[in-house]
PDB file of N, CA and C in Angstrom:
ATOM      1  N   UNK A   1      47.507 181.713 122.174  1.00  0.00           N
ATOM      2  CA  UNK A   1      48.730 181.817 121.401  1.00  0.00           C
ATOM      3  C   UNK A   1      48.379 182.221 119.965  1.00  0.00           C
ATOM      4  N   UNK A   2      48.965 183.282 119.442  1.00  0.00           N
ATOM      5  CA  UNK A   2      48.640 183.684 118.073  1.00  0.00           C
ATOM      6  C   UNK A   2      49.271 182.743 117.054  1.00  0.00           C
ATOM      7  N   UNK A   3      48.742 182.845 115.847  1.00  0.00           N
ATOM      8  CA  UNK A   3      49.302 182.046 114.763  1.00  0.00           C
ATOM      9  C   UNK A   3      50.725 182.496 114.461  1.00  0.00           C
ATOM     10  N   UNK A   4      51.541 181.555 113.991  1.00  0.00           N
ATOM     11  CA  UNK A   4      52.896 181.894 113.561  1.00  0.00           C
ATOM     12  C   UNK A   4      52.836 182.439 112.144  1.00  0.00           C
ATOM     13  N   UNK A   5      53.738 183.360 111.841  1.00  0.00           N
ATOM     14  CA  UNK A   5      53.763 183.932 110.502  1.00  0.00           C
ATOM     15  C   UNK A   5      54.785 183.193 109.640  1.00  0.00           C
ATOM     16  N   UNK A   6      54.370 182.927 108.404  1.00  0.00           N
ATOM     17  CA  UNK A   6      55.278 182.352 107.418  1.00  0.00           C
ATOM     18  C   UNK A   6      56.160 183.456 106.869  1.00  0.00           C
ATOM     19  N   UNK A   7      57.445 183.185 106.722  1.00  0.00           N
ATOM     20  CA  UNK A   7      58.347 184.127 106.077  1.00  0.00           C
ATOM     21  C   UNK A   7      58.058 184.102 104.579  1.00  0.00           C
ATOM     22  N   UNK A   8      57.536 185.219 104.055  1.00  0.00           N
ATOM     23  CA  UNK A   8      57.060 185.229 102.683  1.00  0.00           C
ATOM     24  C   UNK A   8      58.198 185.108 101.664  1.00  0.00           C
ATOM     25  N   UNK A   9      59.372 185.620 102.004  1.00  0.00           N
ATOM     26  CA  UNK A   9      60.508 185.468 101.103  1.00  0.00           C
ATOM     27  C   UNK A   9      60.897 184.007 100.961  1.00  0.00           C
ATOM     28  N   UNK A  10      60.875 183.278 102.077  1.00  0.00           N
ATOM     29  CA  UNK A  10      61.214 181.851 102.048  1.00  0.00           C
ATOM     30  C   UNK A  10      60.127 181.047 101.347  1.00  0.00           C
ATOM     31  N   UNK A  11      58.871 181.454 101.506  1.00  0.00           N
ATOM     32  CA  UNK A  11      57.769 180.717 100.879  1.00  0.00           C
ATOM     33  C   UNK A  11      57.862 180.758  99.360  1.00  0.00           C
ATOM     34  N   UNK A  12      58.430 181.826  98.814  1.00  0.00           N
ATOM     35  CA  UNK A  12      58.580 181.936  97.370  1.00  0.00           C
ATOM     36  C   UNK A  12      59.783 181.151  96.859  1.00  0.00           C
ATOM     37  N   UNK A  13      60.704 180.778  97.730  1.00  0.00           N
ATOM     38  CA  UNK A  13      61.948 180.141  97.301  1.00  0.00           C
ATOM     39  C   UNK A  13      61.997 178.640  97.533  1.00  0.00           C
ATOM     40  N   UNK A  14      61.260 178.118  98.501  1.00  0.00           N
ATOM     41  CA  UNK A  14      61.387 176.710  98.884  1.00  0.00           C
ATOM     42  C   UNK A  14      60.054 175.994  98.794  1.00  0.00           C
ATOM     43  N   UNK A  15      60.107 174.709  98.425  1.00  0.00           N
ATOM     44  CA  UNK A  15      58.937 173.828  98.425  1.00  0.00           C
ATOM     45  C   UNK A  15      59.305 172.565  99.180  1.00  0.00           C
ATOM     46  N   UNK A  16      58.371 172.051  99.947  1.00  0.00           N
ATOM     47  CA  UNK A  16      58.607 170.834 100.722  1.00  0.00           C
ATOM     48  C   UNK A  16      58.570 169.622  99.802  1.00  0.00           C
ATOM     49  N   UNK A  17      59.462 168.667 100.026  1.00  0.00           N
ATOM     50  CA  UNK A  17      59.444 167.417  99.264  1.00  0.00           C
ATOM     51  C   UNK A  17      58.682 166.360 100.055  1.00  0.00           C
ATOM     52  N   UNK A  18      58.409 165.247  99.408  1.00  0.00           N
ATOM     53  CA  UNK A  18      57.676 164.180 100.067  1.00  0.00           C
ATOM     54  C   UNK A  18      58.438 163.565 101.221  1.00  0.00           C
ATOM     55  N   UNK A  19      59.763 163.559 101.134  1.00  0.00           N
ATOM     56  CA  UNK A  19      60.592 162.955 102.178  1.00  0.00           C
ATOM     57  C   UNK A  19      60.830 163.904 103.355  1.00  0.00           C
ATOM     58  N   UNK A  20      60.336 165.143 103.252  1.00  0.00           N
ATOM     59  CA  UNK A  20      60.496 166.078 104.362  1.00  0.00           C
ATOM     60  C   UNK A  20      61.594 167.098 104.175  1.00  0.00           C
ATOM     61  N   UNK A  21      62.293 167.044 103.054  1.00  0.00           N
ATOM     62  CA  UNK A  21      63.320 168.050 102.787  1.00  0.00           C
ATOM     63  C   UNK A  21      62.716 169.249 102.079  1.00  0.00           C
ATOM     64  N   UNK A  22      63.548 170.093 101.513  1.00  0.00           N
ATOM     65  CA  UNK A  22      63.089 171.244 100.752  1.00  0.00           C
ATOM     66  C   UNK A  22      63.842 171.303  99.443  1.00  0.00           C
ATOM     67  N   UNK A  23      63.126 171.619  98.358  1.00  0.00           N
ATOM     68  CA  UNK A  23      63.820 171.856  97.107  1.00  0.00           C
ATOM     69  C   UNK A  23      63.919 173.346  96.865  1.00  0.00           C
ATOM     70  N   UNK A  24      64.937 173.713  96.117  1.00  0.00           N
ATOM     71  CA  UNK A  24      65.202 175.116  95.838  1.00  0.00           C
ATOM     72  C   UNK A  24      65.734 175.237  94.424  1.00  0.00           C
ATOM     73  N   UNK A  25      65.601 176.424  93.861  1.00  0.00           N
ATOM     74  CA  UNK A  25      66.188 176.686  92.556  1.00  0.00           C
ATOM     75  C   UNK A  25      67.652 177.053  92.727  1.00  0.00           C
ATOM     76  N   UNK A  26      68.428 176.822  91.686  1.00  0.00           N
ATOM     77  CA  UNK A  26      69.850 177.121  91.745  1.00  0.00           C
ATOM     78  C   UNK A  26      70.095 178.577  91.381  1.00  0.00           C
ATOM     79  N   UNK A  27      71.189 179.098  91.890  1.00  0.00           N
ATOM     80  CA  UNK A  27      71.537 180.492  91.623  1.00  0.00           C
ATOM     81  C   UNK A  27      72.376 180.603  90.354  1.00  0.00           C
ATOM     82  N   UNK A  28      72.761 181.810  89.996  1.00  0.00           N
ATOM     83  CA  UNK A  28      73.635 182.128  88.864  1.00  0.00           C
ATOM     84  C   UNK A  28      72.957 181.964  87.510  1.00  0.00           C
ATOM     85  N   UNK A  29      71.641 182.145  87.435  1.00  0.00           N
ATOM     86  CA  UNK A  29      70.965 182.064  86.142  1.00  0.00           C
ATOM     87  C   UNK A  29      70.210 183.335  85.808  1.00  0.00           C
ATOM     88  N   UNK A  30      70.543 184.445  86.443  1.00  0.00           N
ATOM     89  CA  UNK A  30      69.780 185.672  86.241  1.00  0.00           C
ATOM     90  C   UNK A  30      70.353 186.565  85.147  1.00  0.00           C
ATOM     91  N   UNK A  31      71.636 186.739  85.117  1.00  0.00           N
ATOM     92  CA  UNK A  31      72.239 187.657  84.148  1.00  0.00           C
ATOM     93  C   UNK A  31      73.678 187.226  83.894  1.00  0.00           C
ATOM     94  N   UNK A  32      74.336 187.917  82.953  1.00  0.00           N
ATOM     95  CA  UNK A  32      75.686 187.571  82.488  1.00  0.00           C
ATOM     96  C   UNK A  32      75.712 186.108  82.030  1.00  0.00           C
ATOM     97  N   UNK A  33      74.777 185.765  81.160  1.00  0.00           N
ATOM     98  CA  UNK A  33      74.641 184.379  80.717  1.00  0.00           C
ATOM     99  C   UNK A  33      75.474 184.069  79.481  1.00  0.00           C
ATOM    100  N   UNK A  34      76.009 185.100  78.820  1.00  0.00           N
ATOM    101  CA  UNK A  34      76.719 184.841  77.561  1.00  0.00           C
ATOM    102  C   UNK A  34      78.028 184.108  77.795  1.00  0.00           C
ATOM    103  N   UNK A  35      78.686 184.373  78.911  1.00  0.00           N
ATOM    104  CA  UNK A  35      79.972 183.706  79.160  1.00  0.00           C
ATOM    105  C   UNK A  35      79.816 182.317  79.768  1.00  0.00           C
ATOM    106  N   UNK A  36      78.617 181.969  80.198  1.00  0.00           N
ATOM    107  CA  UNK A  36      78.387 180.645  80.773  1.00  0.00           C
ATOM    108  C   UNK A  36      78.046 179.668  79.664  1.00  0.00           C
ATOM    109  N   UNK A  37      78.552 178.459  79.772  1.00  0.00           N
ATOM    110  CA  UNK A  37      78.337 177.472  78.721  1.00  0.00           C
ATOM    111  C   UNK A  37      76.889 176.991  78.735  1.00  0.00           C
ATOM    112  N   UNK A  38      76.470 176.460  77.599  1.00  0.00           N
ATOM    113  CA  UNK A  38      75.112 175.948  77.474  1.00  0.00           C
ATOM    114  C   UNK A  38      74.875 174.803  78.450  1.00  0.00           C
ATOM    115  N   UNK A  39      75.872 173.963  78.610  1.00  0.00           N
ATOM    116  CA  UNK A  39      75.752 172.839  79.543  1.00  0.00           C
ATOM    117  C   UNK A  39      75.546 173.326  80.968  1.00  0.00           C
ATOM    118  N   UNK A  40      76.316 174.353  81.355  1.00  0.00           N
ATOM    119  CA  UNK A  40      76.206 174.898  82.714  1.00  0.00           C
ATOM    120  C   UNK A  40      74.831 175.504  82.959  1.00  0.00           C
ATOM    121  N   UNK A  41      74.314 176.250  81.972  1.00  0.00           N
ATOM    122  CA  UNK A  41      72.996 176.873  82.119  1.00  0.00           C
ATOM    123  C   UNK A  41      71.895 175.818  82.163  1.00  0.00           C
ATOM    124  N   UNK A  42      72.049 174.763  81.369  1.00  0.00           N
ATOM    125  CA  UNK A  42      71.056 173.693  81.356  1.00  0.00           C
ATOM    126  C   UNK A  42      71.012 172.970  82.693  1.00  0.00           C
ATOM    127  N   UNK A  43      72.187 172.732  83.275  1.00  0.00           N
ATOM    128  CA  UNK A  43      72.228 172.041  84.566  1.00  0.00           C
ATOM    129  C   UNK A  43      71.705 172.905  85.703  1.00  0.00           C
ATOM    130  N   UNK A  44      71.791 174.219  85.555  1.00  0.00           N
ATOM    131  CA  UNK A  44      71.283 175.116  86.592  1.00  0.00           C
ATOM    132  C   UNK A  44      69.762 175.201  86.589  1.00  0.00           C
ATOM    133  N   UNK A  45      69.116 174.729  85.529  1.00  0.00           N
ATOM    134  CA  UNK A  45      67.652 174.733  85.482  1.00  0.00           C
ATOM    135  C   UNK A  45      67.041 173.799  86.516  1.00  0.00           C
ATOM    136  N   UNK A  46      67.710 172.700  86.782  1.00  0.00           N
ATOM    137  CA  UNK A  46      67.138 171.660  87.641  1.00  0.00           C
ATOM    138  C   UNK A  46      67.180 172.093  89.096  1.00  0.00           C
ATOM    139  N   UNK A  47      66.097 171.877  89.838  1.00  0.00           N
ATOM    140  CA  UNK A  47      66.122 172.224  91.255  1.00  0.00           C
ATOM    141  C   UNK A  47      67.041 171.294  92.028  1.00  0.00           C
ATOM    142  N   UNK A  48      67.553 171.775  93.137  1.00  0.00           N
ATOM    143  CA  UNK A  48      68.373 170.939  94.009  1.00  0.00           C
ATOM    144  C   UNK A  48      67.781 170.997  95.407  1.00  0.00           C
ATOM    145  N   UNK A  49      68.296 170.168  96.282  1.00  0.00           N
ATOM    146  CA  UNK A  49      67.779 170.104  97.647  1.00  0.00           C
ATOM    147  C   UNK A  49      68.551 171.044  98.556  1.00  0.00           C
ATOM    148  N   UNK A  50      67.858 171.575  99.541  1.00  0.00           N
ATOM    149  CA  UNK A  50      68.516 172.366 100.583  1.00  0.00           C
ATOM    150  C   UNK A  50      69.392 171.413 101.388  1.00  0.00           C
ATOM    151  N   UNK A  51      70.575 171.859 101.768  1.00  0.00           N
ATOM    152  CA  UNK A  51      71.494 171.019 102.529  1.00  0.00           C
ATOM    153  C   UNK A  51      70.833 170.581 103.835  1.00  0.00           C
ATOM    154  N   UNK A  52      71.196 169.407 104.288  1.00  0.00           N
ATOM    155  CA  UNK A  52      70.575 168.826 105.472  1.00  0.00           C
ATOM    156  C   UNK A  52      70.776 169.703 106.713  1.00  0.00           C
ATOM    157  N   UNK A  53      71.907 170.383 106.818  1.00  0.00           N
ATOM    158  CA  UNK A  53      72.150 171.231 107.989  1.00  0.00           C
ATOM    159  C   UNK A  53      71.257 172.468 107.975  1.00  0.00           C
ATOM    160  N   UNK A  54      70.765 172.875 106.792  1.00  0.00           N
ATOM    161  CA  UNK A  54      69.925 174.066 106.697  1.00  0.00           C
ATOM    162  C   UNK A  54      68.439 173.759 106.724  1.00  0.00           C
ATOM    163  N   UNK A  55      68.059 172.493 106.674  1.00  0.00           N
ATOM    164  CA  UNK A  55      66.653 172.126 106.589  1.00  0.00           C
ATOM    165  C   UNK A  55      65.869 172.579 107.812  1.00  0.00           C
ATOM    166  N   UNK A  56      66.470 172.488 109.001  1.00  0.00           N
ATOM    167  CA  UNK A  56      65.779 172.898 110.218  1.00  0.00           C
ATOM    168  C   UNK A  56      65.497 174.396 110.211  1.00  0.00           C
ATOM    169  N   UNK A  57      66.443 175.182 109.723  1.00  0.00           N
ATOM    170  CA  UNK A  57      66.267 176.623 109.661  1.00  0.00           C
ATOM    171  C   UNK A  57      65.150 176.997 108.682  1.00  0.00           C
ATOM    172  N   UNK A  58      65.113 176.331 107.537  1.00  0.00           N
ATOM    173  CA  UNK A  58      64.075 176.621 106.548  1.00  0.00           C
ATOM    174  C   UNK A  58      62.709 176.204 107.077  1.00  0.00           C
ATOM    175  N   UNK A  59      62.639 175.102 107.798  1.00  0.00           N
ATOM    176  CA  UNK A  59      61.343 174.663 108.323  1.00  0.00           C
ATOM    177  C   UNK A  59      60.826 175.606 109.409  1.00  0.00           C
ATOM    178  N   UNK A  60      61.713 176.324 110.076  1.00  0.00           N
ATOM    179  CA  UNK A  60      61.270 177.352 111.022  1.00  0.00           C
ATOM    180  C   UNK A  60      60.655 178.546 110.290  1.00  0.00           C
ATOM    181  N   UNK A  61      61.229 178.871 109.133  1.00  0.00           N
ATOM    182  CA  UNK A  61      60.693 179.982 108.353  1.00  0.00           C
ATOM    183  C   UNK A  61      59.349 179.633 107.723  1.00  0.00           C
ATOM    184  N   UNK A  62      59.098 178.332 107.518  1.00  0.00           N
ATOM    185  CA  UNK A  62      57.866 177.868 106.876  1.00  0.00           C
ATOM    186  C   UNK A  62      57.132 176.915 107.817  1.00  0.00           C
ATOM    187  N   UNK A  63      56.482 177.432 108.848  1.00  0.00           N
ATOM    188  CA  UNK A  63      55.915 176.546 109.872  1.00  0.00           C
ATOM    189  C   UNK A  63      54.732 175.698 109.378  1.00  0.00           C
ATOM    190  N   UNK A  64      54.074 176.096 108.312  1.00  0.00           N
ATOM    191  CA  UNK A  64      52.876 175.360 107.872  1.00  0.00           C
ATOM    192  C   UNK A  64      53.104 174.574 106.598  1.00  0.00           C
ATOM    193  N   UNK A  65      54.338 174.352 106.219  1.00  0.00           N
ATOM    194  CA  UNK A  65      54.633 173.552 105.023  1.00  0.00           C
ATOM    195  C   UNK A  65      55.127 172.186 105.407  1.00  0.00           C
TER     196      UNK A  65
END
């Protein structure tokens, strides 16, 4: 049986947490930042967790994490 391939796009976006979930960066921080409030941009800096229903799909994309 050959080795499974890691999805490289997913590997750059997700990191495994100690509890077995995945953390991800939040969207909407790339451009058009002038109309967004400072509070909103500051809160978007913090990583959030992948939803529980999507965790199985992400773990398939990252078989060795």
